[in-house]
Amino acid sequence: MLSKSEKQFSILFLIIVLIELLTGQIESLENVHYIAKPAIVISLIFLFVKTSESIPKTIKNKTLLALLFSVLGDILLMLVEQSLHFFTLGLVAFLTAHIMYILVFLKHRNLQKSPIGFIALLLVYAASLFYFLNGNLGDMLIPVIIYMLVILGMATSAYLRKDKVNILSYGLVFLGALFFLISDSILALNKFYEPLAYSNISIMVTYALAQYLIVIGILKLKED
């Protein structure tokens, strides 16, 4: 399943995530936290650049843009306590990252597969989430709705790769997209509904898994 280099990277990636989780809980290690959090996706960028030689150039470039905008989003969200504007800017950065992923996934869209059933499930999920968020969004109502629609589009485009890529690539990317949806949902509930216990840990674990699975899944296109 994983190549030797991917297995070695996975150990390093796990260590980086654990460092981020640890330093995120200890105030005296805050400076390390500011390095460890963006290092999660930065490490994936290095892996992708190193091992994506046979990936088509358009897919490679858009994936790198998605990862770069994710790093930017990570940095901006760490600065939210200094200004609420950083949250909006972080939202825009991740919105752009999701759009890049959508463009990557649609390169292998299965035109024979109908998304209607899956979209219906996502809309029920989104409506349930919005029920809890709606009363507290204020000026963020429209941006949050736009963001929700884009991430639902990202999950749908990952779903539509079925039978157009190998099963490993499809499964990893699709699972990663779902983890991204879960991570952003926890973040939204924690910010706009009520503080959730251990939210920092659950958000970061699901986010790290999402990015890891998507990147490894795209790299598995080499095995087609």
N, C-alpha and C. Protein backbone atom coordinates (compact mmCIF):
# COMPACT_ATOMS: atom_id res chain seq x y z
N MET A 1 0.83 -1.22 0.00
CA MET A 1 0.00 0.00 0.00
C MET A 1 0.86 1.26 0.00
N LEU A 2 1.71 1.40 1.03
CA LEU A 2 2.61 2.55 1.10
C LEU A 2 4.01 2.14 0.67
N SER A 3 4.67 3.01 -0.08
CA SER A 3 6.05 2.76 -0.44
C SER A 3 6.94 2.96 0.79
N LYS A 4 8.19 2.56 0.66
CA LYS A 4 9.13 2.71 1.77
C LYS A 4 9.27 4.16 2.19
N SER A 5 9.40 5.06 1.20
CA SER A 5 9.55 6.48 1.52
C SER A 5 8.28 7.04 2.16
N GLU A 6 7.12 6.54 1.73
CA GLU A 6 5.85 7.00 2.32
C GLU A 6 5.70 6.50 3.75
N LYS A 7 6.16 5.28 4.02
CA LYS A 7 6.12 4.77 5.39
C LYS A 7 7.04 5.58 6.30
N GLN A 8 8.23 5.89 5.80
CA GLN A 8 9.16 6.70 6.59
C GLN A 8 8.58 8.10 6.84
N PHE A 9 7.99 8.66 5.79
CA PHE A 9 7.37 9.98 5.95
C PHE A 9 6.23 9.93 6.96
N SER A 10 5.44 8.87 6.92
CA SER A 10 4.27 8.76 7.80
C SER A 10 4.69 8.82 9.27
N ILE A 11 5.84 8.22 9.59
CA ILE A 11 6.34 8.28 10.97
C ILE A 11 6.71 9.71 11.32
N LEU A 12 7.42 10.39 10.41
CA LEU A 12 7.78 11.80 10.63
C LEU A 12 6.53 12.65 10.77
N PHE A 13 5.55 12.40 9.91
CA PHE A 13 4.31 13.18 9.92
C PHE A 13 3.59 13.01 11.26
N LEU A 14 3.54 11.77 11.75
CA LEU A 14 2.90 11.50 13.04
C LEU A 14 3.60 12.26 14.16
N ILE A 15 4.92 12.29 14.11
CA ILE A 15 5.69 13.01 15.14
C ILE A 15 5.36 14.49 15.11
N ILE A 16 5.29 15.07 13.90
CA ILE A 16 4.97 16.49 13.77
C ILE A 16 3.58 16.79 14.33
N VAL A 17 2.61 15.93 14.00
CA VAL A 17 1.25 16.12 14.50
C VAL A 17 1.22 16.02 16.02
N LEU A 18 1.92 15.06 16.59
CA LEU A 18 1.95 14.90 18.05
C LEU A 18 2.59 16.11 18.72
N ILE A 19 3.65 16.64 18.10
CA ILE A 19 4.29 17.85 18.65
C ILE A 19 3.31 19.02 18.62
N GLU A 20 2.57 19.14 17.51
CA GLU A 20 1.59 20.22 17.41
C GLU A 20 0.50 20.08 18.48
N LEU A 21 0.01 18.87 18.67
CA LEU A 21 -1.03 18.64 19.67
C LEU A 21 -0.52 18.95 21.07
N LEU A 22 0.71 18.55 21.36
CA LEU A 22 1.29 18.78 22.68
C LEU A 22 1.52 20.26 22.93
N THR A 23 2.17 20.93 21.99
CA THR A 23 2.50 22.34 22.19
C THR A 23 1.26 23.24 22.14
N GLY A 24 0.22 22.75 21.48
CA GLY A 24 -1.02 23.53 21.43
C GLY A 24 -1.74 23.57 22.77
N GLN A 25 -1.39 22.65 23.67
CA GLN A 25 -2.05 22.58 24.98
C GLN A 25 -1.22 23.22 26.08
N ILE A 26 0.05 23.53 25.79
CA ILE A 26 0.95 24.04 26.83
C ILE A 26 1.35 25.47 26.46
N GLU A 27 0.93 26.42 27.28
CA GLU A 27 1.14 27.84 26.95
C GLU A 27 2.61 28.19 26.82
N SER A 28 3.47 27.57 27.64
CA SER A 28 4.89 27.89 27.61
C SER A 28 5.58 27.43 26.33
N LEU A 29 4.91 26.54 25.58
CA LEU A 29 5.46 26.04 24.32
C LEU A 29 4.78 26.66 23.11
N GLU A 30 4.16 27.81 23.31
CA GLU A 30 3.38 28.44 22.25
C GLU A 30 4.22 28.73 21.01
N ASN A 31 5.48 29.14 21.22
CA ASN A 31 6.34 29.45 20.07
C ASN A 31 6.58 28.22 19.20
N VAL A 32 6.73 27.06 19.83
CA VAL A 32 6.91 25.82 19.08
C VAL A 32 5.62 25.48 18.33
N HIS A 33 4.49 25.75 18.96
CA HIS A 33 3.19 25.51 18.33
C HIS A 33 3.05 26.28 17.03
N TYR A 34 3.53 27.53 17.01
CA TYR A 34 3.45 28.35 15.82
C TYR A 34 4.29 27.79 14.67
N ILE A 35 5.27 26.97 15.01
CA ILE A 35 6.09 26.32 13.98
C ILE A 35 5.48 24.97 13.59
N ALA A 36 5.03 24.23 14.59
CA ALA A 36 4.56 22.86 14.36
C ALA A 36 3.27 22.81 13.53
N LYS A 37 2.37 23.76 13.76
CA LYS A 37 1.09 23.69 13.05
C LYS A 37 1.26 23.81 11.54
N PRO A 38 1.92 24.86 11.03
CA PRO A 38 2.11 24.91 9.57
C PRO A 38 3.04 23.82 9.05
N ALA A 39 3.89 23.29 9.95
CA ALA A 39 4.83 22.23 9.52
C ALA A 39 4.10 20.97 9.08
N ILE A 40 2.87 20.76 9.56
CA ILE A 40 2.09 19.59 9.17
C ILE A 40 1.91 19.56 7.66
N VAL A 41 1.40 20.65 7.09
CA VAL A 41 1.16 20.68 5.64
C VAL A 41 2.45 20.94 4.88
N ILE A 42 3.35 21.71 5.46
CA ILE A 42 4.63 21.96 4.79
C ILE A 42 5.36 20.64 4.54
N SER A 43 5.29 19.72 5.51
CA SER A 43 5.94 18.41 5.34
C SER A 43 5.30 17.65 4.18
N LEU A 44 3.99 17.79 4.02
CA LEU A 44 3.30 17.13 2.90
C LEU A 44 3.71 17.74 1.56
N ILE A 45 3.96 19.04 1.57
CA ILE A 45 4.44 19.69 0.35
C ILE A 45 5.78 19.11 -0.07
N PHE A 46 6.70 18.94 0.89
CA PHE A 46 8.01 18.37 0.57
C PHE A 46 7.87 16.94 0.04
N LEU A 47 7.01 16.15 0.67
CA LEU A 47 6.78 14.78 0.20
C LEU A 47 6.23 14.79 -1.22
N PHE A 48 5.25 15.64 -1.47
CA PHE A 48 4.60 15.67 -2.78
C PHE A 48 5.56 16.11 -3.87
N VAL A 49 6.34 17.15 -3.60
CA VAL A 49 7.31 17.63 -4.59
C VAL A 49 8.34 16.54 -4.91
N LYS A 50 8.74 15.82 -3.88
CA LYS A 50 9.79 14.81 -4.03
C LYS A 50 9.32 13.58 -4.79
N THR A 51 8.03 13.23 -4.66
CA THR A 51 7.58 11.92 -5.16
C THR A 51 6.50 12.00 -6.24
N SER A 52 6.26 13.19 -6.78
CA SER A 52 5.16 13.34 -7.73
C SER A 52 5.63 13.52 -9.17
N GLU A 53 6.81 12.99 -9.49
CA GLU A 53 7.36 13.21 -10.83
C GLU A 53 6.44 12.73 -11.94
N SER A 54 5.77 11.60 -11.73
CA SER A 54 4.95 11.02 -12.79
C SER A 54 3.50 11.50 -12.78
N ILE A 55 3.17 12.38 -11.84
CA ILE A 55 1.81 12.92 -11.78
C ILE A 55 1.66 13.99 -12.87
N PRO A 56 0.53 14.01 -13.61
CA PRO A 56 0.34 15.06 -14.63
C PRO A 56 0.54 16.46 -14.06
N LYS A 57 1.15 17.33 -14.88
CA LYS A 57 1.56 18.65 -14.40
C LYS A 57 0.39 19.47 -13.86
N THR A 58 -0.76 19.42 -14.51
CA THR A 58 -1.90 20.22 -14.06
C THR A 58 -2.37 19.77 -12.68
N ILE A 59 -2.41 18.45 -12.47
CA ILE A 59 -2.80 17.92 -11.16
C ILE A 59 -1.75 18.29 -10.11
N LYS A 60 -0.51 18.14 -10.46
CA LYS A 60 0.58 18.45 -9.53
C LYS A 60 0.53 19.91 -9.09
N ASN A 61 0.41 20.82 -10.06
CA ASN A 61 0.44 22.25 -9.74
C ASN A 61 -0.76 22.68 -8.88
N LYS A 62 -1.93 22.17 -9.22
CA LYS A 62 -3.13 22.55 -8.45
C LYS A 62 -3.11 21.95 -7.04
N THR A 63 -2.55 20.75 -6.92
CA THR A 63 -2.41 20.15 -5.59
C THR A 63 -1.46 20.98 -4.73
N LEU A 64 -0.36 21.41 -5.33
CA LEU A 64 0.59 22.25 -4.60
C LEU A 64 -0.05 23.58 -4.19
N LEU A 65 -0.87 24.16 -5.06
CA LEU A 65 -1.56 25.39 -4.70
C LEU A 65 -2.53 25.15 -3.54
N ALA A 66 -3.22 24.02 -3.57
CA ALA A 66 -4.14 23.69 -2.47
C ALA A 66 -3.37 23.60 -1.15
N LEU A 67 -2.22 22.98 -1.19
CA LEU A 67 -1.42 22.83 0.03
C LEU A 67 -0.84 24.17 0.49
N LEU A 68 -0.40 24.98 -0.45
CA LEU A 68 0.16 26.29 -0.09
C LEU A 68 -0.90 27.20 0.52
N PHE A 69 -2.10 27.20 -0.04
CA PHE A 69 -3.18 28.00 0.53
C PHE A 69 -3.61 27.44 1.89
N SER A 70 -3.47 26.14 2.07
CA SER A 70 -3.77 25.54 3.37
C SER A 70 -2.78 26.03 4.43
N VAL A 71 -1.50 26.09 4.06
CA VAL A 71 -0.50 26.61 5.00
C VAL A 71 -0.81 28.06 5.36
N LEU A 72 -1.17 28.84 4.34
CA LEU A 72 -1.54 30.24 4.59
C LEU A 72 -2.73 30.31 5.53
N GLY A 73 -3.73 29.45 5.31
CA GLY A 73 -4.89 29.42 6.18
C GLY A 73 -4.52 29.05 7.60
N ASP A 74 -3.63 28.07 7.75
CA ASP A 74 -3.17 27.67 9.09
C ASP A 74 -2.54 28.84 9.83
N ILE A 75 -1.70 29.58 9.13
CA ILE A 75 -1.00 30.71 9.75
C ILE A 75 -1.99 31.80 10.14
N LEU A 76 -2.90 32.11 9.25
CA LEU A 76 -3.89 33.17 9.52
C LEU A 76 -4.79 32.81 10.70
N LEU A 77 -5.20 31.56 10.79
CA LEU A 77 -6.08 31.16 11.89
C LEU A 77 -5.35 31.15 13.23
N MET A 78 -4.03 31.04 13.21
CA MET A 78 -3.28 31.14 14.46
C MET A 78 -3.23 32.57 14.97
N LEU A 79 -3.54 33.53 14.11
CA LEU A 79 -3.45 34.95 14.46
C LEU A 79 -4.80 35.57 14.80
N VAL A 80 -5.83 34.73 14.92
CA VAL A 80 -7.19 35.23 15.13
C VAL A 80 -7.31 36.06 16.40
N GLU A 81 -6.58 35.70 17.45
CA GLU A 81 -6.66 36.44 18.71
C GLU A 81 -6.17 37.87 18.56
N GLN A 82 -5.34 38.14 17.56
CA GLN A 82 -4.86 39.49 17.33
C GLN A 82 -5.88 40.34 16.57
N SER A 83 -6.65 39.70 15.69
CA SER A 83 -7.68 40.41 14.93
C SER A 83 -8.65 39.41 14.33
N LEU A 84 -9.95 39.71 14.42
CA LEU A 84 -10.96 38.82 13.84
C LEU A 84 -10.88 38.77 12.33
N HIS A 85 -10.24 39.79 11.74
CA HIS A 85 -10.09 39.80 10.28
C HIS A 85 -9.27 38.60 9.80
N PHE A 86 -8.39 38.12 10.66
CA PHE A 86 -7.56 36.97 10.28
C PHE A 86 -8.41 35.72 10.09
N PHE A 87 -9.53 35.62 10.81
CA PHE A 87 -10.41 34.47 10.62
C PHE A 87 -11.02 34.51 9.22
N THR A 88 -11.49 35.68 8.80
CA THR A 88 -12.07 35.82 7.47
C THR A 88 -11.03 35.53 6.39
N LEU A 89 -9.83 36.05 6.59
CA LEU A 89 -8.76 35.80 5.61
C LEU A 89 -8.38 34.32 5.58
N GLY A 90 -8.37 33.69 6.76
CA GLY A 90 -8.10 32.26 6.81
C GLY A 90 -9.16 31.47 6.10
N LEU A 91 -10.42 31.92 6.25
CA LEU A 91 -11.54 31.28 5.56
C LEU A 91 -11.35 31.36 4.05
N VAL A 92 -10.91 32.52 3.56
CA VAL A 92 -10.69 32.71 2.13
C VAL A 92 -9.55 31.81 1.64
N ALA A 93 -8.50 31.69 2.46
CA ALA A 93 -7.37 30.84 2.07
C ALA A 93 -7.81 29.39 1.94
N PHE A 94 -8.57 28.89 2.91
CA PHE A 94 -9.02 27.51 2.83
C PHE A 94 -10.08 27.32 1.75
N LEU A 95 -10.87 28.34 1.51
CA LEU A 95 -11.83 28.30 0.42
C LEU A 95 -11.10 28.09 -0.90
N THR A 96 -10.02 28.82 -1.09
CA THR A 96 -9.21 28.69 -2.31
C THR A 96 -8.58 27.31 -2.39
N ALA A 97 -8.11 26.80 -1.23
CA ALA A 97 -7.52 25.46 -1.21
C ALA A 97 -8.54 24.41 -1.64
N HIS A 98 -9.77 24.54 -1.14
CA HIS A 98 -10.82 23.59 -1.52
C HIS A 98 -11.13 23.67 -3.01
N ILE A 99 -11.14 24.88 -3.56
CA ILE A 99 -11.40 25.05 -4.99
C ILE A 99 -10.29 24.36 -5.81
N MET A 100 -9.04 24.50 -5.36
CA MET A 100 -7.94 23.82 -6.05
C MET A 100 -8.12 22.30 -6.00
N TYR A 101 -8.53 21.78 -4.84
CA TYR A 101 -8.77 20.34 -4.73
C TYR A 101 -9.93 19.91 -5.64
N ILE A 102 -10.97 20.72 -5.72
CA ILE A 102 -12.09 20.41 -6.61
C ILE A 102 -11.59 20.27 -8.05
N LEU A 103 -10.76 21.21 -8.49
CA LEU A 103 -10.23 21.17 -9.85
C LEU A 103 -9.36 19.93 -10.08
N VAL A 104 -8.62 19.52 -9.04
CA VAL A 104 -7.81 18.30 -9.14
C VAL A 104 -8.71 17.08 -9.27
N PHE A 105 -9.70 16.98 -8.40
CA PHE A 105 -10.56 15.80 -8.39
C PHE A 105 -11.39 15.68 -9.67
N LEU A 106 -11.82 16.82 -10.20
CA LEU A 106 -12.66 16.78 -11.41
C LEU A 106 -11.88 16.34 -12.64
N LYS A 107 -10.56 16.31 -12.56
CA LYS A 107 -9.76 15.79 -13.67
C LYS A 107 -10.08 14.31 -13.93
N HIS A 108 -10.58 13.63 -12.89
CA HIS A 108 -10.93 12.22 -13.04
C HIS A 108 -12.40 11.98 -12.72
N ARG A 109 -13.24 12.91 -13.10
CA ARG A 109 -14.67 12.75 -12.83
C ARG A 109 -15.25 11.63 -13.67
N ASN A 110 -16.02 10.77 -13.04
CA ASN A 110 -16.73 9.71 -13.74
C ASN A 110 -18.08 10.26 -14.21
N LEU A 111 -18.18 10.52 -15.50
CA LEU A 111 -19.39 11.13 -16.05
C LEU A 111 -20.59 10.18 -16.01
N GLN A 112 -20.31 8.90 -15.81
CA GLN A 112 -21.40 7.92 -15.76
C GLN A 112 -22.01 7.82 -14.36
N LYS A 113 -21.37 8.44 -13.38
CA LYS A 113 -21.82 8.32 -11.99
C LYS A 113 -22.66 9.53 -11.60
N SER A 114 -23.86 9.30 -11.12
CA SER A 114 -24.74 10.40 -10.69
C SER A 114 -24.41 10.81 -9.25
N PRO A 115 -24.26 12.12 -9.01
CA PRO A 115 -23.96 12.59 -7.65
C PRO A 115 -25.21 12.91 -6.82
N ILE A 116 -26.40 12.72 -7.39
CA ILE A 116 -27.63 13.22 -6.76
C ILE A 116 -27.83 12.64 -5.36
N GLY A 117 -27.69 11.32 -5.22
CA GLY A 117 -27.90 10.70 -3.92
C GLY A 117 -26.90 11.18 -2.88
N PHE A 118 -25.63 11.28 -3.29
CA PHE A 118 -24.59 11.73 -2.36
C PHE A 118 -24.80 13.19 -1.98
N ILE A 119 -25.16 14.02 -2.97
CA ILE A 119 -25.42 15.44 -2.69
C ILE A 119 -26.59 15.58 -1.72
N ALA A 120 -27.62 14.73 -1.88
CA ALA A 120 -28.77 14.78 -0.97
C ALA A 120 -28.33 14.51 0.46
N LEU A 121 -27.46 13.52 0.65
CA LEU A 121 -26.94 13.21 1.99
C LEU A 121 -26.15 14.40 2.56
N LEU A 122 -25.31 15.00 1.70
CA LEU A 122 -24.52 16.14 2.15
C LEU A 122 -25.40 17.32 2.54
N LEU A 123 -26.46 17.55 1.79
CA LEU A 123 -27.35 18.67 2.08
C LEU A 123 -28.08 18.46 3.40
N VAL A 124 -28.47 17.22 3.69
CA VAL A 124 -29.09 16.92 4.99
C VAL A 124 -28.09 17.20 6.11
N TYR A 125 -26.85 16.77 5.91
CA TYR A 125 -25.78 17.02 6.89
C TYR A 125 -25.56 18.52 7.07
N ALA A 126 -25.46 19.26 5.95
CA ALA A 126 -25.22 20.70 6.00
C ALA A 126 -26.38 21.43 6.67
N ALA A 127 -27.60 21.02 6.37
CA ALA A 127 -28.77 21.66 6.98
C ALA A 127 -28.80 21.44 8.49
N SER A 128 -28.43 20.23 8.92
CA SER A 128 -28.37 19.94 10.35
C SER A 128 -27.31 20.79 11.04
N LEU A 129 -26.16 20.93 10.40
CA LEU A 129 -25.09 21.77 10.95
C LEU A 129 -25.52 23.23 11.00
N PHE A 130 -26.13 23.68 9.92
CA PHE A 130 -26.56 25.08 9.83
C PHE A 130 -27.61 25.42 10.88
N TYR A 131 -28.42 24.43 11.25
CA TYR A 131 -29.44 24.63 12.28
C TYR A 131 -28.81 25.11 13.58
N PHE A 132 -27.65 24.55 13.92
CA PHE A 132 -26.96 24.94 15.16
C PHE A 132 -26.20 26.26 15.01
N LEU A 133 -25.74 26.55 13.80
CA LEU A 133 -24.88 27.73 13.60
C LEU A 133 -25.68 29.01 13.34
N ASN A 134 -26.84 28.89 12.74
CA ASN A 134 -27.54 30.03 12.14
C ASN A 134 -27.71 31.22 13.08
N GLY A 135 -28.09 30.99 14.31
CA GLY A 135 -28.39 32.10 15.21
C GLY A 135 -27.20 32.91 15.65
N ASN A 136 -25.99 32.41 15.39
CA ASN A 136 -24.78 33.07 15.90
C ASN A 136 -23.83 33.56 14.81
N LEU A 137 -24.23 33.47 13.57
CA LEU A 137 -23.30 33.81 12.49
C LEU A 137 -23.16 35.30 12.25
N GLY A 138 -24.22 36.07 12.41
CA GLY A 138 -24.14 37.52 12.21
C GLY A 138 -23.63 37.88 10.84
N ASP A 139 -22.60 38.72 10.80
CA ASP A 139 -22.03 39.17 9.53
C ASP A 139 -21.33 38.05 8.75
N MET A 140 -21.09 36.92 9.43
CA MET A 140 -20.40 35.81 8.78
C MET A 140 -21.37 34.87 8.07
N LEU A 141 -22.66 35.20 8.06
CA LEU A 141 -23.66 34.30 7.47
C LEU A 141 -23.33 33.95 6.02
N ILE A 142 -23.17 34.95 5.18
CA ILE A 142 -22.92 34.70 3.75
C ILE A 142 -21.58 34.00 3.53
N PRO A 143 -20.48 34.49 4.15
CA PRO A 143 -19.20 33.78 3.96
C PRO A 143 -19.26 32.32 4.39
N VAL A 144 -19.94 32.04 5.49
CA VAL A 144 -20.02 30.65 5.97
C VAL A 144 -20.84 29.80 5.01
N ILE A 145 -21.94 30.33 4.49
CA ILE A 145 -22.76 29.59 3.52
C ILE A 145 -21.93 29.27 2.27
N ILE A 146 -21.21 30.27 1.77
CA ILE A 146 -20.36 30.06 0.59
C ILE A 146 -19.32 28.99 0.87
N TYR A 147 -18.70 29.09 2.04
CA TYR A 147 -17.66 28.11 2.40
C TYR A 147 -18.26 26.71 2.48
N MET A 148 -19.44 26.59 3.10
CA MET A 148 -20.09 25.29 3.22
C MET A 148 -20.37 24.70 1.85
N LEU A 149 -20.86 25.50 0.92
CA LEU A 149 -21.17 25.01 -0.42
C LEU A 149 -19.91 24.53 -1.14
N VAL A 150 -18.81 25.26 -0.94
CA VAL A 150 -17.56 24.87 -1.61
C VAL A 150 -17.01 23.57 -1.04
N ILE A 151 -17.04 23.41 0.28
CA ILE A 151 -16.49 22.17 0.85
C ILE A 151 -17.40 20.98 0.53
N LEU A 152 -18.70 21.22 0.41
CA LEU A 152 -19.59 20.16 -0.05
C LEU A 152 -19.26 19.79 -1.50
N GLY A 153 -18.91 20.81 -2.30
CA GLY A 153 -18.48 20.56 -3.68
C GLY A 153 -17.19 19.76 -3.72
N MET A 154 -16.30 20.04 -2.79
CA MET A 154 -15.03 19.30 -2.73
C MET A 154 -15.28 17.83 -2.41
N ALA A 155 -16.15 17.57 -1.42
CA ALA A 155 -16.47 16.18 -1.08
C ALA A 155 -17.16 15.47 -2.24
N THR A 156 -18.04 16.18 -2.95
CA THR A 156 -18.75 15.58 -4.09
C THR A 156 -17.79 15.26 -5.23
N SER A 157 -16.87 16.17 -5.51
CA SER A 157 -15.91 15.93 -6.59
C SER A 157 -15.00 14.75 -6.26
N ALA A 158 -14.68 14.57 -4.96
CA ALA A 158 -13.89 13.40 -4.55
C ALA A 158 -14.69 12.12 -4.75
N TYR A 159 -15.97 12.18 -4.44
CA TYR A 159 -16.87 11.03 -4.62
C TYR A 159 -16.97 10.63 -6.10
N LEU A 160 -16.97 11.61 -6.98
CA LEU A 160 -17.17 11.35 -8.41
C LEU A 160 -15.94 10.77 -9.11
N ARG A 161 -14.85 10.56 -8.38
CA ARG A 161 -13.66 9.92 -8.97
C ARG A 161 -13.81 8.40 -9.04
N LYS A 162 -14.86 7.86 -8.45
CA LYS A 162 -15.01 6.40 -8.36
C LYS A 162 -15.02 5.76 -9.74
N ASP A 163 -14.24 4.69 -9.87
CA ASP A 163 -14.12 3.90 -11.10
C ASP A 163 -13.37 4.62 -12.22
N LYS A 164 -12.82 5.81 -11.94
CA LYS A 164 -11.99 6.50 -12.93
C LYS A 164 -10.52 6.49 -12.53
N VAL A 165 -10.26 6.15 -11.25
CA VAL A 165 -8.89 6.00 -10.76
C VAL A 165 -8.83 4.67 -10.02
N ASN A 166 -7.62 4.23 -9.66
CA ASN A 166 -7.52 2.97 -8.93
C ASN A 166 -8.19 3.09 -7.57
N ILE A 167 -8.62 1.97 -7.03
CA ILE A 167 -9.44 1.96 -5.81
C ILE A 167 -8.71 2.56 -4.62
N LEU A 168 -7.39 2.41 -4.56
CA LEU A 168 -6.63 2.96 -3.44
C LEU A 168 -6.63 4.48 -3.47
N SER A 169 -6.35 5.04 -4.66
CA SER A 169 -6.37 6.49 -4.81
C SER A 169 -7.74 7.04 -4.49
N TYR A 170 -8.77 6.38 -5.02
CA TYR A 170 -10.13 6.85 -4.77
C TYR A 170 -10.47 6.81 -3.29
N GLY A 171 -10.21 5.69 -2.65
CA GLY A 171 -10.58 5.53 -1.25
C GLY A 171 -9.88 6.51 -0.34
N LEU A 172 -8.58 6.70 -0.55
CA LEU A 172 -7.81 7.62 0.30
C LEU A 172 -8.29 9.06 0.14
N VAL A 173 -8.47 9.48 -1.11
CA VAL A 173 -8.90 10.87 -1.36
C VAL A 173 -10.30 11.11 -0.83
N PHE A 174 -11.19 10.17 -1.06
CA PHE A 174 -12.57 10.33 -0.60
C PHE A 174 -12.64 10.38 0.92
N LEU A 175 -11.90 9.50 1.58
CA LEU A 175 -11.87 9.51 3.04
C LEU A 175 -11.26 10.83 3.55
N GLY A 176 -10.22 11.30 2.87
CA GLY A 176 -9.61 12.57 3.25
C GLY A 176 -10.58 13.72 3.13
N ALA A 177 -11.37 13.73 2.05
CA ALA A 177 -12.36 14.79 1.85
C ALA A 177 -13.40 14.78 2.97
N LEU A 178 -13.81 13.58 3.40
CA LEU A 178 -14.78 13.47 4.48
C LEU A 178 -14.19 13.96 5.81
N PHE A 179 -12.93 13.64 6.06
CA PHE A 179 -12.27 14.13 7.27
C PHE A 179 -12.16 15.65 7.25
N PHE A 180 -11.93 16.23 6.05
CA PHE A 180 -11.88 17.69 5.93
C PHE A 180 -13.23 18.29 6.30
N LEU A 181 -14.29 17.67 5.83
CA LEU A 181 -15.64 18.12 6.13
C LEU A 181 -15.91 18.05 7.63
N ILE A 182 -15.49 16.97 8.26
CA ILE A 182 -15.68 16.81 9.71
C ILE A 182 -14.88 17.85 10.47
N SER A 183 -13.62 18.06 10.07
CA SER A 183 -12.76 19.02 10.76
C SER A 183 -13.35 20.42 10.72
N ASP A 184 -13.79 20.84 9.53
CA ASP A 184 -14.36 22.18 9.39
C ASP A 184 -15.69 22.29 10.14
N SER A 185 -16.43 21.20 10.23
CA SER A 185 -17.70 21.21 10.97
C SER A 185 -17.44 21.42 12.47
N ILE A 186 -16.44 20.71 13.00
CA ILE A 186 -16.11 20.88 14.42
C ILE A 186 -15.65 22.30 14.69
N LEU A 187 -14.82 22.83 13.78
CA LEU A 187 -14.33 24.20 13.93
C LEU A 187 -15.49 25.19 13.94
N ALA A 188 -16.45 25.00 13.03
CA ALA A 188 -17.60 25.91 12.95
C ALA A 188 -18.46 25.83 14.21
N LEU A 189 -18.73 24.62 14.68
CA LEU A 189 -19.52 24.45 15.89
C LEU A 189 -18.83 25.07 17.10
N ASN A 190 -17.53 24.88 17.17
CA ASN A 190 -16.77 25.41 18.30
C ASN A 190 -16.76 26.93 18.30
N LYS A 191 -16.74 27.53 17.12
CA LYS A 191 -16.65 28.99 17.04
C LYS A 191 -18.02 29.66 17.09
N PHE A 192 -19.00 29.09 16.41
CA PHE A 192 -20.28 29.79 16.25
C PHE A 192 -21.44 29.20 17.07
N TYR A 193 -21.24 28.03 17.67
CA TYR A 193 -22.31 27.45 18.47
C TYR A 193 -21.94 27.48 19.95
N GLU A 194 -21.02 26.65 20.35
CA GLU A 194 -20.52 26.67 21.73
C GLU A 194 -19.18 25.96 21.77
N PRO A 195 -18.31 26.35 22.72
CA PRO A 195 -17.00 25.70 22.84
C PRO A 195 -17.16 24.20 23.08
N LEU A 196 -16.44 23.40 22.35
CA LEU A 196 -16.51 21.95 22.46
C LEU A 196 -15.30 21.42 23.21
N ALA A 197 -15.52 20.40 24.03
CA ALA A 197 -14.41 19.80 24.78
C ALA A 197 -13.39 19.20 23.82
N TYR A 198 -12.13 19.49 24.08
CA TYR A 198 -11.02 18.95 23.29
C TYR A 198 -11.14 19.29 21.81
N SER A 199 -11.75 20.43 21.51
CA SER A 199 -11.96 20.80 20.11
C SER A 199 -10.64 21.00 19.36
N ASN A 200 -9.64 21.58 20.04
CA ASN A 200 -8.35 21.80 19.37
C ASN A 200 -7.75 20.48 18.89
N ILE A 201 -7.91 19.45 19.72
CA ILE A 201 -7.35 18.15 19.36
C ILE A 201 -8.15 17.51 18.22
N SER A 202 -9.47 17.51 18.34
CA SER A 202 -10.29 16.87 17.32
C SER A 202 -10.19 17.58 15.97
N ILE A 203 -10.13 18.91 16.01
CA ILE A 203 -9.99 19.67 14.76
C ILE A 203 -8.67 19.35 14.09
N MET A 204 -7.60 19.35 14.87
CA MET A 204 -6.28 19.14 14.27
C MET A 204 -6.06 17.71 13.81
N VAL A 205 -6.55 16.73 14.57
CA VAL A 205 -6.38 15.33 14.17
C VAL A 205 -7.12 15.05 12.86
N THR A 206 -8.37 15.50 12.77
CA THR A 206 -9.15 15.27 11.54
C THR A 206 -8.57 16.06 10.37
N TYR A 207 -8.07 17.26 10.63
CA TYR A 207 -7.47 18.08 9.56
C TYR A 207 -6.19 17.45 9.04
N ALA A 208 -5.33 17.01 9.96
CA ALA A 208 -4.07 16.38 9.55
C ALA A 208 -4.34 15.10 8.76
N LEU A 209 -5.30 14.30 9.23
CA LEU A 209 -5.67 13.08 8.51
C LEU A 209 -6.19 13.42 7.11
N ALA A 210 -7.01 14.47 7.03
CA ALA A 210 -7.58 14.87 5.75
C ALA A 210 -6.49 15.20 4.73
N GLN A 211 -5.58 16.06 5.12
CA GLN A 211 -4.52 16.48 4.19
C GLN A 211 -3.61 15.30 3.84
N TYR A 212 -3.27 14.49 4.83
CA TYR A 212 -2.41 13.33 4.60
C TYR A 212 -3.05 12.36 3.62
N LEU A 213 -4.30 12.01 3.86
CA LEU A 213 -4.98 11.03 3.01
C LEU A 213 -5.17 11.54 1.58
N ILE A 214 -5.49 12.83 1.44
CA ILE A 214 -5.67 13.39 0.10
C ILE A 214 -4.35 13.37 -0.67
N VAL A 215 -3.27 13.80 -0.02
CA VAL A 215 -1.98 13.84 -0.71
C VAL A 215 -1.51 12.44 -1.08
N ILE A 216 -1.56 11.51 -0.14
CA ILE A 216 -1.15 10.13 -0.45
C ILE A 216 -2.05 9.55 -1.53
N GLY A 217 -3.35 9.85 -1.46
CA GLY A 217 -4.27 9.35 -2.48
C GLY A 217 -3.95 9.87 -3.87
N ILE A 218 -3.59 11.13 -3.97
CA ILE A 218 -3.21 11.69 -5.28
C ILE A 218 -1.91 11.06 -5.77
N LEU A 219 -0.97 10.85 -4.85
CA LEU A 219 0.29 10.20 -5.24
C LEU A 219 0.05 8.78 -5.75
N LYS A 220 -1.00 8.12 -5.26
CA LYS A 220 -1.29 6.75 -5.70
C LYS A 220 -1.81 6.70 -7.14
N LEU A 221 -2.04 7.85 -7.76
CA LEU A 221 -2.38 7.88 -9.18
C LEU A 221 -1.26 7.26 -10.01
N LYS A 222 -0.05 7.26 -9.45
CA LYS A 222 1.10 6.70 -10.16
C LYS A 222 0.93 5.20 -10.39
N GLU A 223 0.05 4.57 -9.60
CA GLU A 223 -0.11 3.12 -9.68
C GLU A 223 -1.19 2.70 -10.66
N ASP A 224 -1.80 3.68 -11.38
CA ASP A 224 -2.80 3.33 -12.40
C ASP A 224 -2.15 2.55 -13.54
